[in-house]
Amino acid sequence: MAWFDLILIDELGYVPYSKEGAELFFRFVASRYERGAVMITSNLEFADWTQVFGDEMLTTALLDRLTHRCHILVMNGESYRFRESMKRRDDD
């Protein structure tokens, strides 16, 4: 995967990782660290990521690599999907 300029991971934390899955994800992030861009979307704050990966030390090491030299965009607001469904309902 080193040949991709950017890898996008959408909805991180939607389902928890198994121990093996968390370890594989960590290895993936470590392999991309300072070699290629990774973009991650999540509805979770960093403090909640331990619930996803199940291991505090692994999560800390993962976040250390992900947040070094990164841009963090925090977006709060109404869901676009919810707003669109309410608009369709009002238009009917």
PDB file of N, CA and C in Angstrom:
ATOM      1  N   MET A   1       0.814  -1.200   0.000  1.00  0.00           N
ATOM      2  CA  MET A   1       0.000   0.000   0.000  1.00  0.00           C
ATOM      3  C   MET A   1       0.854   1.259   0.000  1.00  0.00           C
ATOM      4  N   ALA A   2       2.130   1.083  -0.070  1.00  0.00           N
ATOM      5  CA  ALA A   2       3.026   2.232  -0.046  1.00  0.00           C
ATOM      6  C   ALA A   2       2.894   3.083  -1.296  1.00  0.00           C
ATOM      7  N   TRP A   3       2.336   2.532  -2.357  1.00  0.00           N
ATOM      8  CA  TRP A   3       2.246   3.297  -3.610  1.00  0.00           C
ATOM      9  C   TRP A   3       1.069   4.258  -3.650  1.00  0.00           C
ATOM     10  N   PHE A   4       0.155   4.196  -2.694  1.00  0.00           N
ATOM     11  CA  PHE A   4      -0.957   5.137  -2.636  1.00  0.00           C
ATOM     12  C   PHE A   4      -0.527   6.399  -1.889  1.00  0.00           C
ATOM     13  N   ASP A   5      -0.868   7.560  -2.448  1.00  0.00           N
ATOM     14  CA  ASP A   5      -0.543   8.825  -1.788  1.00  0.00           C
ATOM     15  C   ASP A   5      -1.381   9.035  -0.537  1.00  0.00           C
ATOM     16  N   LEU A   6      -2.636   8.574  -0.573  1.00  0.00           N
ATOM     17  CA  LEU A   6      -3.564   8.775   0.540  1.00  0.00           C
ATOM     18  C   LEU A   6      -4.450   7.554   0.692  1.00  0.00           C
ATOM     19  N   ILE A   7      -4.624   7.123   1.921  1.00  0.00           N
ATOM     20  CA  ILE A   7      -5.574   6.059   2.238  1.00  0.00           C
ATOM     21  C   ILE A   7      -6.595   6.652   3.199  1.00  0.00           C
ATOM     22  N   LEU A   8      -7.861   6.501   2.857  1.00  0.00           N
ATOM     23  CA  LEU A   8      -8.960   7.050   3.658  1.00  0.00           C
ATOM     24  C   LEU A   8      -9.664   5.920   4.389  1.00  0.00           C
ATOM     25  N   ILE A   9      -9.823   6.105   5.689  1.00  0.00           N
ATOM     26  CA  ILE A   9     -10.540   5.145   6.533  1.00  0.00           C
ATOM     27  C   ILE A   9     -11.752   5.884   7.085  1.00  0.00           C
ATOM     28  N   ASP A  10     -12.926   5.450   6.702  1.00  0.00           N
ATOM     29  CA  ASP A  10     -14.161   6.135   7.052  1.00  0.00           C
ATOM     30  C   ASP A  10     -14.869   5.410   8.190  1.00  0.00           C
ATOM     31  N   GLU A  11     -15.447   6.176   9.101  1.00  0.00           N
ATOM     32  CA  GLU A  11     -16.273   5.646  10.196  1.00  0.00           C
ATOM     33  C   GLU A  11     -15.505   4.746  11.167  1.00  0.00           C
ATOM     34  N   LEU A  12     -14.272   5.126  11.496  1.00  0.00           N
ATOM     35  CA  LEU A  12     -13.519   4.353  12.478  1.00  0.00           C
ATOM     36  C   LEU A  12     -14.284   4.334  13.795  1.00  0.00           C
ATOM     37  N   GLY A  13     -14.423   3.173  14.360  1.00  0.00           N
ATOM     38  CA  GLY A  13     -15.100   3.055  15.644  1.00  0.00           C
ATOM     39  C   GLY A  13     -16.553   2.676  15.540  1.00  0.00           C
ATOM     40  N   TYR A  14     -17.046   2.528  14.322  1.00  0.00           N
ATOM     41  CA  TYR A  14     -18.448   2.142  14.154  1.00  0.00           C
ATOM     42  C   TYR A  14     -18.689   0.768  14.768  1.00  0.00           C
ATOM     43  N   VAL A  15     -17.723  -0.123  14.606  1.00  0.00           N
ATOM     44  CA  VAL A  15     -17.750  -1.423  15.283  1.00  0.00           C
ATOM     45  C   VAL A  15     -16.388  -1.636  15.931  1.00  0.00           C
ATOM     46  N   PRO A  16     -16.345  -2.278  17.092  1.00  0.00           N
ATOM     47  CA  PRO A  16     -15.059  -2.507  17.763  1.00  0.00           C
ATOM     48  C   PRO A  16     -14.215  -3.538  17.009  1.00  0.00           C
ATOM     49  N   TYR A  17     -12.917  -3.436  17.162  1.00  0.00           N
ATOM     50  CA  TYR A  17     -11.977  -4.367  16.543  1.00  0.00           C
ATOM     51  C   TYR A  17     -11.727  -5.548  17.469  1.00  0.00           C
ATOM     52  N   SER A  18     -11.479  -6.704  16.892  1.00  0.00           N
ATOM     53  CA  SER A  18     -10.996  -7.832  17.677  1.00  0.00           C
ATOM     54  C   SER A  18      -9.549  -7.533  18.058  1.00  0.00           C
ATOM     55  N   LYS A  19      -8.988  -8.326  18.952  1.00  0.00           N
ATOM     56  CA  LYS A  19      -7.587  -8.133  19.347  1.00  0.00           C
ATOM     57  C   LYS A  19      -6.685  -8.221  18.121  1.00  0.00           C
ATOM     58  N   GLU A  20      -6.913  -9.226  17.298  1.00  0.00           N
ATOM     59  CA  GLU A  20      -6.104  -9.407  16.093  1.00  0.00           C
ATOM     60  C   GLU A  20      -6.320  -8.250  15.104  1.00  0.00           C
ATOM     61  N   GLY A  21      -7.562  -7.808  14.961  1.00  0.00           N
ATOM     62  CA  GLY A  21      -7.860  -6.695  14.068  1.00  0.00           C
ATOM     63  C   GLY A  21      -7.194  -5.410  14.528  1.00  0.00           C
ATOM     64  N   ALA A  22      -7.210  -5.163  15.839  1.00  0.00           N
ATOM     65  CA  ALA A  22      -6.567  -3.964  16.386  1.00  0.00           C
ATOM     66  C   ALA A  22      -5.066  -4.003  16.152  1.00  0.00           C
ATOM     67  N   GLU A  23      -4.463  -5.160  16.334  1.00  0.00           N
ATOM     68  CA  GLU A  23      -3.024  -5.293  16.111  1.00  0.00           C
ATOM     69  C   GLU A  23      -2.667  -5.101  14.636  1.00  0.00           C
ATOM     70  N   LEU A  24      -3.481  -5.651  13.736  1.00  0.00           N
ATOM     71  CA  LEU A  24      -3.248  -5.467  12.302  1.00  0.00           C
ATOM     72  C   LEU A  24      -3.409  -4.007  11.903  1.00  0.00           C
ATOM     73  N   PHE A  25      -4.413  -3.328  12.467  1.00  0.00           N
ATOM     74  CA  PHE A  25      -4.611  -1.918  12.164  1.00  0.00           C
ATOM     75  C   PHE A  25      -3.424  -1.103  12.650  1.00  0.00           C
ATOM     76  N   PHE A  26      -2.939  -1.406  13.841  1.00  0.00           N
ATOM     77  CA  PHE A  26      -1.760  -0.711  14.358  1.00  0.00           C
ATOM     78  C   PHE A  26      -0.563  -0.912  13.425  1.00  0.00           C
ATOM     79  N   ARG A  27      -0.351  -2.140  12.977  1.00  0.00           N
ATOM     80  CA  ARG A  27       0.767  -2.417  12.067  1.00  0.00           C
ATOM     81  C   ARG A  27       0.624  -1.631  10.763  1.00  0.00           C
ATOM     82  N   PHE A  28      -0.611  -1.552  10.262  1.00  0.00           N
ATOM     83  CA  PHE A  28      -0.859  -0.778   9.053  1.00  0.00           C
ATOM     84  C   PHE A  28      -0.487   0.689   9.265  1.00  0.00           C
ATOM     85  N   VAL A  29      -0.978   1.281  10.363  1.00  0.00           N
ATOM     86  CA  VAL A  29      -0.688   2.696  10.637  1.00  0.00           C
ATOM     87  C   VAL A  29       0.811   2.890  10.827  1.00  0.00           C
ATOM     88  N   ALA A  30       1.444   1.982  11.545  1.00  0.00           N
ATOM     89  CA  ALA A  30       2.897   2.087  11.756  1.00  0.00           C
ATOM     90  C   ALA A  30       3.645   2.009  10.429  1.00  0.00           C
ATOM     91  N   SER A  31       3.158   1.194   9.498  1.00  0.00           N
ATOM     92  CA  SER A  31       3.833   1.074   8.196  1.00  0.00           C
ATOM     93  C   SER A  31       3.664   2.337   7.359  1.00  0.00           C
ATOM     94  N   ARG A  32       2.593   3.085   7.577  1.00  0.00           N
ATOM     95  CA  ARG A  32       2.353   4.331   6.844  1.00  0.00           C
ATOM     96  C   ARG A  32       2.987   5.543   7.530  1.00  0.00           C
ATOM     97  N   TYR A  33       3.366   5.396   8.791  1.00  0.00           N
ATOM     98  CA  TYR A  33       3.882   6.512   9.585  1.00  0.00           C
ATOM     99  C   TYR A  33       5.055   7.185   8.885  1.00  0.00           C
ATOM    100  N   GLU A  34       4.901   8.468   8.595  1.00  0.00           N
ATOM    101  CA  GLU A  34       5.881   9.302   7.917  1.00  0.00           C
ATOM    102  C   GLU A  34       6.275   8.777   6.534  1.00  0.00           C
ATOM    103  N   ARG A  35       5.458   7.909   5.942  1.00  0.00           N
ATOM    104  CA  ARG A  35       5.716   7.394   4.595  1.00  0.00           C
ATOM    105  C   ARG A  35       4.571   7.695   3.635  1.00  0.00           C
ATOM    106  N   GLY A  36       3.357   7.841   4.173  1.00  0.00           N
ATOM    107  CA  GLY A  36       2.196   8.083   3.334  1.00  0.00           C
ATOM    108  C   GLY A  36       1.067   8.638   4.165  1.00  0.00           C
ATOM    109  N   ALA A  37       0.174   9.346   3.509  1.00  0.00           N
ATOM    110  CA  ALA A  37      -0.918  10.013   4.217  1.00  0.00           C
ATOM    111  C   ALA A  37      -2.058   9.040   4.524  1.00  0.00           C
ATOM    112  N   VAL A  38      -2.648   9.234   5.698  1.00  0.00           N
ATOM    113  CA  VAL A  38      -3.824   8.488   6.126  1.00  0.00           C
ATOM    114  C   VAL A  38      -4.844   9.511   6.613  1.00  0.00           C
ATOM    115  N   MET A  39      -6.067   9.387   6.127  1.00  0.00           N
ATOM    116  CA  MET A  39      -7.155  10.248   6.593  1.00  0.00           C
ATOM    117  C   MET A  39      -8.189   9.342   7.255  1.00  0.00           C
ATOM    118  N   ILE A  40      -8.597   9.719   8.468  1.00  0.00           N
ATOM    119  CA  ILE A  40      -9.550   8.914   9.218  1.00  0.00           C
ATOM    120  C   ILE A  40     -10.728   9.777   9.621  1.00  0.00           C
ATOM    121  N   THR A  41     -11.935   9.249   9.433  1.00  0.00           N
ATOM    122  CA  THR A  41     -13.127   9.904   9.949  1.00  0.00           C
ATOM    123  C   THR A  41     -13.676   9.039  11.073  1.00  0.00           C
ATOM    124  N   SER A  42     -14.218   9.706  12.081  1.00  0.00           N
ATOM    125  CA  SER A  42     -14.791   9.000  13.219  1.00  0.00           C
ATOM    126  C   SER A  42     -15.758   9.926  13.936  1.00  0.00           C
ATOM    127  N   ASN A  43     -16.780   9.348  14.517  1.00  0.00           N
ATOM    128  CA  ASN A  43     -17.688  10.113  15.367  1.00  0.00           C
ATOM    129  C   ASN A  43     -17.230  10.110  16.817  1.00  0.00           C
ATOM    130  N   LEU A  44     -16.128   9.435  17.086  1.00  0.00           N
ATOM    131  CA  LEU A  44     -15.632   9.293  18.456  1.00  0.00           C
ATOM    132  C   LEU A  44     -14.500  10.266  18.752  1.00  0.00           C
ATOM    133  N   GLU A  45     -14.472  10.727  19.980  1.00  0.00           N
ATOM    134  CA  GLU A  45     -13.318  11.501  20.452  1.00  0.00           C
ATOM    135  C   GLU A  45     -12.194  10.527  20.770  1.00  0.00           C
ATOM    136  N   PHE A  46     -10.968  11.023  20.763  1.00  0.00           N
ATOM    137  CA  PHE A  46      -9.822  10.153  21.014  1.00  0.00           C
ATOM    138  C   PHE A  46      -9.947   9.391  22.333  1.00  0.00           C
ATOM    139  N   ALA A  47     -10.526   9.995  23.335  1.00  0.00           N
ATOM    140  CA  ALA A  47     -10.679   9.342  24.643  1.00  0.00           C
ATOM    141  C   ALA A  47     -11.509   8.068  24.553  1.00  0.00           C
ATOM    142  N   ASP A  48     -12.337   7.945  23.524  1.00  0.00           N
ATOM    143  CA  ASP A  48     -13.204   6.769  23.362  1.00  0.00           C
ATOM    144  C   ASP A  48     -12.585   5.690  22.480  1.00  0.00           C
ATOM    145  N   TRP A  49     -11.437   5.944  21.902  1.00  0.00           N
ATOM    146  CA  TRP A  49     -10.852   4.976  20.980  1.00  0.00           C
ATOM    147  C   TRP A  49     -10.402   3.688  21.672  1.00  0.00           C
ATOM    148  N   THR A  50     -10.093   3.737  22.941  1.00  0.00           N
ATOM    149  CA  THR A  50      -9.711   2.513  23.648  1.00  0.00           C
ATOM    150  C   THR A  50     -10.843   1.491  23.610  1.00  0.00           C
ATOM    151  N   GLN A  51     -12.081   1.954  23.625  1.00  0.00           N
ATOM    152  CA  GLN A  51     -13.225   1.038  23.526  1.00  0.00           C
ATOM    153  C   GLN A  51     -13.235   0.322  22.183  1.00  0.00           C
ATOM    154  N   VAL A  52     -12.742   0.963  21.151  1.00  0.00           N
ATOM    155  CA  VAL A  52     -12.725   0.381  19.808  1.00  0.00           C
ATOM    156  C   VAL A  52     -11.614  -0.655  19.690  1.00  0.00           C
ATOM    157  N   PHE A  53     -10.435  -0.332  20.218  1.00  0.00           N
ATOM    158  CA  PHE A  53      -9.278  -1.203  20.051  1.00  0.00           C
ATOM    159  C   PHE A  53      -9.044  -2.147  21.234  1.00  0.00           C
ATOM    160  N   GLY A  54      -9.678  -1.881  22.359  1.00  0.00           N
ATOM    161  CA  GLY A  54      -9.643  -2.813  23.480  1.00  0.00           C
ATOM    162  C   GLY A  54      -8.341  -2.871  24.252  1.00  0.00           C
ATOM    163  N   ASP A  55      -7.402  -2.017  23.951  1.00  0.00           N
ATOM    164  CA  ASP A  55      -6.109  -2.054  24.623  1.00  0.00           C
ATOM    165  C   ASP A  55      -5.594  -0.626  24.750  1.00  0.00           C
ATOM    166  N   GLU A  56      -5.411  -0.184  25.971  1.00  0.00           N
ATOM    167  CA  GLU A  56      -5.018   1.211  26.210  1.00  0.00           C
ATOM    168  C   GLU A  56      -3.629   1.529  25.659  1.00  0.00           C
ATOM    169  N   MET A  57      -2.668   0.614  25.861  1.00  0.00           N
ATOM    170  CA  MET A  57      -1.306   0.876  25.372  1.00  0.00           C
ATOM    171  C   MET A  57      -1.268   0.914  23.844  1.00  0.00           C
ATOM    172  N   LEU A  58      -1.966  -0.007  23.195  1.00  0.00           N
ATOM    173  CA  LEU A  58      -2.008  -0.021  21.739  1.00  0.00           C
ATOM    174  C   LEU A  58      -2.666   1.246  21.219  1.00  0.00           C
ATOM    175  N   THR A  59      -3.768   1.658  21.839  1.00  0.00           N
ATOM    176  CA  THR A  59      -4.481   2.858  21.409  1.00  0.00           C
ATOM    177  C   THR A  59      -3.606   4.095  21.575  1.00  0.00           C
ATOM    178  N   THR A  60      -2.885   4.181  22.681  1.00  0.00           N
ATOM    179  CA  THR A  60      -1.988   5.311  22.916  1.00  0.00           C
ATOM    180  C   THR A  60      -0.894   5.359  21.854  1.00  0.00           C
ATOM    181  N   ALA A  61      -0.289   4.217  21.548  1.00  0.00           N
ATOM    182  CA  ALA A  61       0.760   4.164  20.525  1.00  0.00           C
ATOM    183  C   ALA A  61       0.197   4.500  19.146  1.00  0.00           C
ATOM    184  N   LEU A  62      -0.998   4.025  18.864  1.00  0.00           N
ATOM    185  CA  LEU A  62      -1.663   4.311  17.592  1.00  0.00           C
ATOM    186  C   LEU A  62      -1.924   5.812  17.448  1.00  0.00           C
ATOM    187  N   LEU A  63      -2.515   6.412  18.482  1.00  0.00           N
ATOM    188  CA  LEU A  63      -2.812   7.844  18.443  1.00  0.00           C
ATOM    189  C   LEU A  63      -1.539   8.688  18.373  1.00  0.00           C
ATOM    190  N   ASP A  64      -0.483   8.216  19.004  1.00  0.00           N
ATOM    191  CA  ASP A  64       0.797   8.919  18.946  1.00  0.00           C
ATOM    192  C   ASP A  64       1.271   9.035  17.504  1.00  0.00           C
ATOM    193  N   ARG A  65       1.170   7.951  16.763  1.00  0.00           N
ATOM    194  CA  ARG A  65       1.594   7.965  15.363  1.00  0.00           C
ATOM    195  C   ARG A  65       0.633   8.758  14.486  1.00  0.00           C
ATOM    196  N   LEU A  66      -0.661   8.611  14.735  1.00  0.00           N
ATOM    197  CA  LEU A  66      -1.648   9.296  13.903  1.00  0.00           C
ATOM    198  C   LEU A  66      -1.655  10.811  14.115  1.00  0.00           C
ATOM    199  N   THR A  67      -1.418  11.257  15.323  1.00  0.00           N
ATOM    200  CA  THR A  67      -1.538  12.688  15.613  1.00  0.00           C
ATOM    201  C   THR A  67      -0.233  13.464  15.437  1.00  0.00           C
ATOM    202  N   HIS A  68       0.874  12.764  15.246  1.00  0.00           N
ATOM    203  CA  HIS A  68       2.142  13.443  15.005  1.00  0.00           C
ATOM    204  C   HIS A  68       2.095  14.051  13.607  1.00  0.00           C
ATOM    205  N   ARG A  69       2.286  15.346  13.498  1.00  0.00           N
ATOM    206  CA  ARG A  69       2.268  16.055  12.217  1.00  0.00           C
ATOM    207  C   ARG A  69       0.947  15.885  11.459  1.00  0.00           C
ATOM    208  N   CYS A  70      -0.140  16.037  12.157  1.00  0.00           N
ATOM    209  CA  CYS A  70      -1.440  15.861  11.506  1.00  0.00           C
ATOM    210  C   CYS A  70      -2.277  17.130  11.617  1.00  0.00           C
ATOM    211  N   HIS A  71      -3.361  17.124  10.911  1.00  0.00           N
ATOM    212  CA  HIS A  71      -4.374  18.164  11.016  1.00  0.00           C
ATOM    213  C   HIS A  71      -5.620  17.497  11.571  1.00  0.00           C
ATOM    214  N   ILE A  72      -6.129  18.017  12.677  1.00  0.00           N
ATOM    215  CA  ILE A  72      -7.338  17.472  13.294  1.00  0.00           C
ATOM    216  C   ILE A  72      -8.460  18.457  13.048  1.00  0.00           C
ATOM    217  N   LEU A  73      -9.499  17.989  12.412  1.00  0.00           N
ATOM    218  CA  LEU A  73     -10.675  18.806  12.151  1.00  0.00           C
ATOM    219  C   LEU A  73     -11.821  18.283  13.001  1.00  0.00           C
ATOM    220  N   VAL A  74     -12.308  19.104  13.894  1.00  0.00           N
ATOM    221  CA  VAL A  74     -13.442  18.732  14.737  1.00  0.00           C
ATOM    222  C   VAL A  74     -14.663  19.436  14.173  1.00  0.00           C
ATOM    223  N   MET A  75     -15.629  18.639  13.800  1.00  0.00           N
ATOM    224  CA  MET A  75     -16.843  19.199  13.204  1.00  0.00           C
ATOM    225  C   MET A  75     -18.036  18.778  14.040  1.00  0.00           C
ATOM    226  N   ASN A  76     -18.694  19.757  14.571  1.00  0.00           N
ATOM    227  CA  ASN A  76     -19.906  19.498  15.336  1.00  0.00           C
ATOM    228  C   ASN A  76     -21.066  20.146  14.610  1.00  0.00           C
ATOM    229  N   GLY A  77     -22.180  19.519  14.657  1.00  0.00           N
ATOM    230  CA  GLY A  77     -23.342  20.103  14.000  1.00  0.00           C
ATOM    231  C   GLY A  77     -24.346  19.037  13.631  1.00  0.00           C
ATOM    232  N   GLU A  78     -25.381  19.504  13.024  1.00  0.00           N
ATOM    233  CA  GLU A  78     -26.465  18.622  12.631  1.00  0.00           C
ATOM    234  C   GLU A  78     -26.006  17.690  11.507  1.00  0.00           C
ATOM    235  N   SER A  79     -26.497  16.489  11.527  1.00  0.00           N
ATOM    236  CA  SER A  79     -26.191  15.510  10.502  1.00  0.00           C
ATOM    237  C   SER A  79     -26.762  15.953   9.160  1.00  0.00           C
ATOM    238  N   TYR A  80     -25.941  15.860   8.127  1.00  0.00           N
ATOM    239  CA  TYR A  80     -26.385  16.187   6.774  1.00  0.00           C
ATOM    240  C   TYR A  80     -27.513  15.242   6.356  1.00  0.00           C
ATOM    241  N   ARG A  81     -27.368  13.958   6.633  1.00  0.00           N
ATOM    242  CA  ARG A  81     -28.397  12.978   6.256  1.00  0.00           C
ATOM    243  C   ARG A  81     -29.715  13.276   6.970  1.00  0.00           C
ATOM    244  N   PHE A  82     -29.633  13.589   8.249  1.00  0.00           N
ATOM    245  CA  PHE A  82     -30.854  13.897   9.003  1.00  0.00           C
ATOM    246  C   PHE A  82     -31.522  15.150   8.446  1.00  0.00           C
ATOM    247  N   ARG A  83     -30.728  16.162   8.166  1.00  0.00           N
ATOM    248  CA  ARG A  83     -31.271  17.403   7.622  1.00  0.00           C
ATOM    249  C   ARG A  83     -31.961  17.156   6.278  1.00  0.00           C
ATOM    250  N   GLU A  84     -31.360  16.354   5.420  1.00  0.00           N
ATOM    251  CA  GLU A  84     -31.952  16.044   4.121  1.00  0.00           C
ATOM    252  C   GLU A  84     -33.246  15.253   4.262  1.00  0.00           C
ATOM    253  N   SER A  85     -33.284  14.308   5.199  1.00  0.00           N
ATOM    254  CA  SER A  85     -34.522  13.530   5.383  1.00  0.00           C
ATOM    255  C   SER A  85     -35.644  14.403   5.932  1.00  0.00           C
ATOM    256  N   MET A  86     -35.307  15.338   6.803  1.00  0.00           N
ATOM    257  CA  MET A  86     -36.329  16.251   7.325  1.00  0.00           C
ATOM    258  C   MET A  86     -36.825  17.196   6.218  1.00  0.00           C
ATOM    259  N   LYS A  87     -35.923  17.603   5.346  1.00  0.00           N
ATOM    260  CA  LYS A  87     -36.304  18.469   4.233  1.00  0.00           C
ATOM    261  C   LYS A  87     -37.261  17.734   3.294  1.00  0.00           C
ATOM    262  N   ARG A  88     -36.965  16.473   2.991  1.00  0.00           N
ATOM    263  CA  ARG A  88     -37.854  15.687   2.129  1.00  0.00           C
ATOM    264  C   ARG A  88     -39.222  15.506   2.767  1.00  0.00           C
ATOM    265  N   ARG A  89     -39.230  15.293   4.080  1.00  0.00           N
ATOM    266  CA  ARG A  89     -40.493  15.124   4.797  1.00  0.00           C
ATOM    267  C   ARG A  89     -41.320  16.397   4.728  1.00  0.00           C
ATOM    268  N   ASP A  90     -40.679  17.551   4.892  1.00  0.00           N
ATOM    269  CA  ASP A  90     -41.382  18.826   4.835  1.00  0.00           C
ATOM    270  C   ASP A  90     -41.875  19.149   3.432  1.00  0.00           C
ATOM    271  N   ASP A  91     -41.151  18.660   2.415  1.00  0.00           N
ATOM    272  CA  ASP A  91     -41.543  18.914   1.030  1.00  0.00           C
ATOM    273  C   ASP A  91     -42.744  18.059   0.595  1.00  0.00           C
ATOM    274  N   ASP A  92     -42.989  16.971   1.293  1.00  0.00           N
ATOM    275  CA  ASP A  92     -44.127  16.080   0.927  1.00  0.00           C
ATOM    276  C   ASP A  92     -45.458  16.629   1.335  1.00  0.00           C
TER     277      ASP A  92
END
